[in-house]
Amino acid sequence: DCQHSKTSLNILQKREGIGMAAAAKSTSRGLLITCDIPTKQFILHICQDKGYVLDDLDETHLFVLPEGLKWIKEQIKAFAEENAYVDPELEATQGK
């Protein structure tokens, strides 16, 4: 389970499944990721050229290669940090 601001990813244990890329009836090992719709779209976007996504299951579920999980989490964390609002007044009082 991984949480970044209000975005959460639920990663289930490795499972056997058939991915869309594996249309030749081969089986792929992967992880099932459950997340909100915007996070799923972000993952699809960043993985577009990486090949980590085996199957886009529905609005909130992706089946991904286990070796891509660490990289996906790092990208989500970096995106959340870059786009987080920091109240300047709060930051000034915490900096003292």
N, C-alpha and C. Protein backbone atom coordinates (compact mmCIF):
# COMPACT_ATOMS: atom_id res chain seq x y z
N ASP A 1 0.85 -1.17 0.00
CA ASP A 1 0.00 0.00 0.00
C ASP A 1 0.89 1.23 0.00
N CYS A 2 0.63 2.17 -0.87
CA CYS A 2 1.49 3.34 -1.03
C CYS A 2 0.61 4.57 -1.11
N GLN A 3 0.89 5.60 -0.31
CA GLN A 3 0.08 6.81 -0.37
C GLN A 3 0.95 8.02 -0.62
N HIS A 4 0.52 8.86 -1.52
CA HIS A 4 1.18 10.12 -1.85
C HIS A 4 0.10 11.18 -1.86
N SER A 5 0.16 12.12 -0.95
CA SER A 5 -0.87 13.13 -0.74
C SER A 5 -2.23 12.44 -0.71
N LYS A 6 -3.14 12.78 -1.60
CA LYS A 6 -4.46 12.15 -1.57
C LYS A 6 -4.57 11.03 -2.60
N THR A 7 -3.45 10.68 -3.20
CA THR A 7 -3.44 9.63 -4.20
C THR A 7 -3.00 8.34 -3.53
N SER A 8 -3.69 7.27 -3.80
CA SER A 8 -3.26 6.00 -3.22
C SER A 8 -3.20 4.92 -4.27
N LEU A 9 -2.24 4.04 -4.10
CA LEU A 9 -2.08 2.88 -4.96
C LEU A 9 -2.18 1.66 -4.08
N ASN A 10 -2.93 0.72 -4.47
CA ASN A 10 -2.97 -0.56 -3.77
C ASN A 10 -2.36 -1.58 -4.71
N ILE A 11 -1.30 -2.21 -4.26
CA ILE A 11 -0.62 -3.20 -5.07
C ILE A 11 -0.82 -4.56 -4.44
N LEU A 12 -1.40 -5.47 -5.17
CA LEU A 12 -1.62 -6.81 -4.67
C LEU A 12 -0.42 -7.68 -4.99
N GLN A 13 -0.33 -8.80 -4.34
CA GLN A 13 0.78 -9.72 -4.56
C GLN A 13 0.82 -10.16 -6.01
N LYS A 14 1.97 -10.71 -6.40
CA LYS A 14 2.13 -11.18 -7.77
C LYS A 14 1.05 -12.20 -8.10
N ARG A 15 0.53 -12.08 -9.28
CA ARG A 15 -0.51 -12.98 -9.74
C ARG A 15 -0.19 -13.42 -11.16
N GLU A 16 -0.75 -14.52 -11.53
CA GLU A 16 -0.65 -14.97 -12.91
C GLU A 16 -1.85 -14.39 -13.66
N GLY A 17 -1.64 -13.94 -14.86
CA GLY A 17 -2.73 -13.39 -15.64
C GLY A 17 -2.35 -13.24 -17.08
N ILE A 18 -3.30 -12.94 -17.90
CA ILE A 18 -3.05 -12.76 -19.32
C ILE A 18 -3.17 -11.29 -19.65
N GLY A 19 -2.14 -10.72 -20.22
CA GLY A 19 -2.15 -9.32 -20.60
C GLY A 19 -2.57 -9.14 -22.04
N MET A 20 -3.01 -7.95 -22.38
CA MET A 20 -3.41 -7.68 -23.76
C MET A 20 -2.24 -7.87 -24.71
N ALA A 21 -1.04 -7.49 -24.26
CA ALA A 21 0.14 -7.63 -25.11
C ALA A 21 0.47 -9.10 -25.33
N ALA A 22 -0.08 -9.95 -24.49
CA ALA A 22 0.20 -11.37 -24.59
C ALA A 22 -0.99 -12.08 -25.25
N ALA A 23 -1.41 -11.56 -26.37
CA ALA A 23 -2.59 -12.09 -27.04
C ALA A 23 -2.36 -13.49 -27.60
N ALA A 24 -1.12 -13.93 -27.65
CA ALA A 24 -0.82 -15.25 -28.18
C ALA A 24 -1.01 -16.34 -27.12
N LYS A 25 -1.90 -16.09 -26.17
CA LYS A 25 -2.27 -17.02 -25.11
C LYS A 25 -1.10 -17.38 -24.19
N SER A 26 -0.15 -16.49 -24.04
CA SER A 26 0.92 -16.73 -23.08
C SER A 26 0.52 -16.10 -21.75
N THR A 27 1.13 -16.56 -20.69
CA THR A 27 0.81 -16.07 -19.37
C THR A 27 1.91 -15.13 -18.91
N SER A 28 1.53 -14.06 -18.21
CA SER A 28 2.50 -13.09 -17.72
C SER A 28 2.39 -13.00 -16.20
N ARG A 29 3.54 -12.84 -15.54
CA ARG A 29 3.54 -12.56 -14.11
C ARG A 29 3.48 -11.06 -13.95
N GLY A 30 2.66 -10.60 -13.01
CA GLY A 30 2.56 -9.17 -12.82
C GLY A 30 1.90 -8.82 -11.52
N LEU A 31 1.68 -7.54 -11.35
CA LEU A 31 1.04 -7.01 -10.15
C LEU A 31 -0.23 -6.28 -10.56
N LEU A 32 -1.24 -6.41 -9.73
CA LEU A 32 -2.49 -5.70 -9.95
C LEU A 32 -2.42 -4.40 -9.15
N ILE A 33 -2.54 -3.27 -9.83
CA ILE A 33 -2.53 -1.97 -9.18
C ILE A 33 -3.97 -1.43 -9.19
N THR A 34 -4.43 -0.99 -8.03
CA THR A 34 -5.73 -0.34 -7.90
C THR A 34 -5.47 1.10 -7.48
N CYS A 35 -6.01 2.04 -8.22
CA CYS A 35 -5.80 3.45 -7.90
C CYS A 35 -6.98 4.26 -8.45
N ASP A 36 -6.97 5.57 -8.16
CA ASP A 36 -8.03 6.41 -8.70
C ASP A 36 -7.79 6.64 -10.20
N ILE A 37 -8.79 7.15 -10.87
CA ILE A 37 -8.74 7.31 -12.32
C ILE A 37 -7.61 8.24 -12.78
N PRO A 38 -7.42 9.42 -12.15
CA PRO A 38 -6.32 10.29 -12.60
C PRO A 38 -4.94 9.63 -12.43
N THR A 39 -4.74 8.90 -11.34
CA THR A 39 -3.46 8.23 -11.12
C THR A 39 -3.25 7.15 -12.17
N LYS A 40 -4.29 6.42 -12.48
CA LYS A 40 -4.17 5.39 -13.52
C LYS A 40 -3.79 6.01 -14.85
N GLN A 41 -4.40 7.12 -15.20
CA GLN A 41 -4.08 7.79 -16.46
C GLN A 41 -2.63 8.29 -16.46
N PHE A 42 -2.17 8.77 -15.31
CA PHE A 42 -0.77 9.21 -15.19
C PHE A 42 0.17 8.02 -15.39
N ILE A 43 -0.14 6.89 -14.78
CA ILE A 43 0.70 5.70 -14.93
C ILE A 43 0.74 5.25 -16.39
N LEU A 44 -0.41 5.24 -17.05
CA LEU A 44 -0.44 4.87 -18.47
C LEU A 44 0.43 5.82 -19.29
N HIS A 45 0.36 7.10 -18.97
CA HIS A 45 1.15 8.10 -19.70
C HIS A 45 2.65 7.89 -19.51
N ILE A 46 3.09 7.73 -18.26
CA ILE A 46 4.54 7.61 -18.01
C ILE A 46 5.10 6.26 -18.46
N CYS A 47 4.25 5.26 -18.54
CA CYS A 47 4.70 3.92 -18.95
C CYS A 47 4.54 3.66 -20.44
N GLN A 48 4.07 4.64 -21.15
CA GLN A 48 3.78 4.51 -22.56
C GLN A 48 4.92 3.88 -23.36
N ASP A 49 6.15 4.30 -23.11
CA ASP A 49 7.30 3.79 -23.86
C ASP A 49 8.10 2.75 -23.08
N LYS A 50 7.71 2.47 -21.85
CA LYS A 50 8.47 1.56 -20.99
C LYS A 50 8.03 0.10 -21.11
N GLY A 51 6.77 -0.11 -21.46
CA GLY A 51 6.27 -1.47 -21.58
C GLY A 51 5.95 -2.14 -20.25
N TYR A 52 5.82 -1.36 -19.18
CA TYR A 52 5.52 -1.93 -17.87
C TYR A 52 4.06 -2.36 -17.71
N VAL A 53 3.16 -1.74 -18.44
CA VAL A 53 1.74 -2.06 -18.31
C VAL A 53 1.41 -3.24 -19.21
N LEU A 54 0.99 -4.33 -18.58
CA LEU A 54 0.61 -5.52 -19.34
C LEU A 54 -0.83 -5.46 -19.80
N ASP A 55 -1.69 -4.88 -18.94
CA ASP A 55 -3.11 -4.84 -19.28
C ASP A 55 -3.80 -3.69 -18.56
N ASP A 56 -4.62 -2.96 -19.29
CA ASP A 56 -5.46 -1.89 -18.75
C ASP A 56 -6.82 -2.54 -18.51
N LEU A 57 -7.08 -2.91 -17.26
CA LEU A 57 -8.24 -3.74 -16.96
C LEU A 57 -9.57 -2.99 -16.94
N ASP A 58 -9.61 -1.87 -16.23
CA ASP A 58 -10.82 -1.05 -16.18
C ASP A 58 -10.43 0.34 -15.69
N GLU A 59 -11.40 1.14 -15.23
CA GLU A 59 -11.13 2.53 -14.83
C GLU A 59 -10.07 2.67 -13.75
N THR A 60 -9.99 1.69 -12.85
CA THR A 60 -9.12 1.86 -11.68
C THR A 60 -8.13 0.72 -11.47
N HIS A 61 -7.96 -0.16 -12.46
CA HIS A 61 -7.06 -1.30 -12.30
C HIS A 61 -6.12 -1.45 -13.49
N LEU A 62 -4.85 -1.71 -13.16
CA LEU A 62 -3.83 -2.00 -14.16
C LEU A 62 -3.08 -3.26 -13.74
N PHE A 63 -2.65 -4.02 -14.71
CA PHE A 63 -1.81 -5.19 -14.48
C PHE A 63 -0.44 -4.82 -15.01
N VAL A 64 0.58 -4.76 -14.13
CA VAL A 64 1.90 -4.26 -14.52
C VAL A 64 2.99 -5.27 -14.21
N LEU A 65 4.13 -5.11 -14.89
CA LEU A 65 5.30 -5.94 -14.62
C LEU A 65 5.87 -5.59 -13.25
N PRO A 66 6.24 -6.59 -12.47
CA PRO A 66 6.80 -6.33 -11.13
C PRO A 66 8.04 -5.44 -11.16
N GLU A 67 8.87 -5.60 -12.18
CA GLU A 67 10.10 -4.79 -12.25
C GLU A 67 9.84 -3.31 -12.49
N GLY A 68 8.64 -2.95 -12.89
CA GLY A 68 8.31 -1.54 -13.11
C GLY A 68 7.72 -0.85 -11.90
N LEU A 69 7.37 -1.60 -10.86
CA LEU A 69 6.68 -1.02 -9.71
C LEU A 69 7.49 0.07 -9.01
N LYS A 70 8.75 -0.18 -8.73
CA LYS A 70 9.58 0.81 -8.03
C LYS A 70 9.64 2.11 -8.84
N TRP A 71 9.87 1.99 -10.13
CA TRP A 71 9.97 3.16 -10.99
C TRP A 71 8.64 3.92 -11.02
N ILE A 72 7.52 3.21 -11.11
CA ILE A 72 6.20 3.85 -11.13
C ILE A 72 5.98 4.63 -9.83
N LYS A 73 6.28 3.99 -8.68
CA LYS A 73 6.12 4.67 -7.39
C LYS A 73 6.98 5.93 -7.31
N GLU A 74 8.23 5.85 -7.78
CA GLU A 74 9.12 7.01 -7.76
C GLU A 74 8.56 8.15 -8.61
N GLN A 75 8.02 7.83 -9.77
CA GLN A 75 7.46 8.85 -10.66
C GLN A 75 6.23 9.51 -10.04
N ILE A 76 5.39 8.73 -9.39
CA ILE A 76 4.20 9.29 -8.73
C ILE A 76 4.61 10.19 -7.58
N LYS A 77 5.58 9.75 -6.79
CA LYS A 77 6.06 10.55 -5.66
C LYS A 77 6.65 11.88 -6.16
N ALA A 78 7.49 11.82 -7.19
CA ALA A 78 8.10 13.03 -7.73
C ALA A 78 7.04 13.99 -8.26
N PHE A 79 6.04 13.46 -8.96
CA PHE A 79 4.97 14.29 -9.49
C PHE A 79 4.20 14.96 -8.35
N ALA A 80 3.88 14.19 -7.31
CA ALA A 80 3.14 14.74 -6.16
C ALA A 80 3.94 15.83 -5.46
N GLU A 81 5.24 15.63 -5.31
CA GLU A 81 6.09 16.63 -4.65
C GLU A 81 6.21 17.90 -5.48
N GLU A 82 6.32 17.75 -6.79
CA GLU A 82 6.45 18.91 -7.68
C GLU A 82 5.16 19.72 -7.74
N ASN A 83 4.04 19.07 -7.53
CA ASN A 83 2.75 19.73 -7.70
C ASN A 83 1.99 19.96 -6.40
N ALA A 84 2.67 19.86 -5.29
CA ALA A 84 2.03 20.09 -3.99
C ALA A 84 2.07 21.58 -3.65
N TYR A 85 0.98 22.07 -3.13
CA TYR A 85 0.93 23.47 -2.71
C TYR A 85 1.50 23.58 -1.31
N VAL A 86 2.42 24.53 -1.15
CA VAL A 86 2.99 24.81 0.17
C VAL A 86 2.62 26.23 0.53
N ASP A 87 1.90 26.39 1.62
CA ASP A 87 1.49 27.70 2.10
C ASP A 87 2.74 28.47 2.52
N PRO A 88 3.04 29.62 1.89
CA PRO A 88 4.25 30.38 2.22
C PRO A 88 4.30 30.80 3.70
N GLU A 89 3.16 31.14 4.27
CA GLU A 89 3.14 31.53 5.68
C GLU A 89 3.48 30.36 6.59
N LEU A 90 2.93 29.21 6.29
CA LEU A 90 3.21 28.01 7.07
C LEU A 90 4.68 27.62 6.93
N GLU A 91 5.19 27.71 5.73
CA GLU A 91 6.59 27.38 5.48
C GLU A 91 7.52 28.33 6.24
N ALA A 92 7.16 29.61 6.30
CA ALA A 92 7.98 30.61 7.02
C ALA A 92 7.99 30.34 8.50
N THR A 93 6.86 29.95 9.08
CA THR A 93 6.82 29.68 10.52
C THR A 93 7.51 28.38 10.88
N GLN A 94 7.51 27.41 9.98
CA GLN A 94 8.19 26.14 10.25
C GLN A 94 9.70 26.28 10.06
N GLY A 95 10.11 27.22 9.23
CA GLY A 95 11.53 27.42 8.96
C GLY A 95 12.25 28.11 10.09
N LYS A 96 11.54 28.72 11.05
CA LYS A 96 12.16 29.46 12.15
C LYS A 96 12.52 28.57 13.30
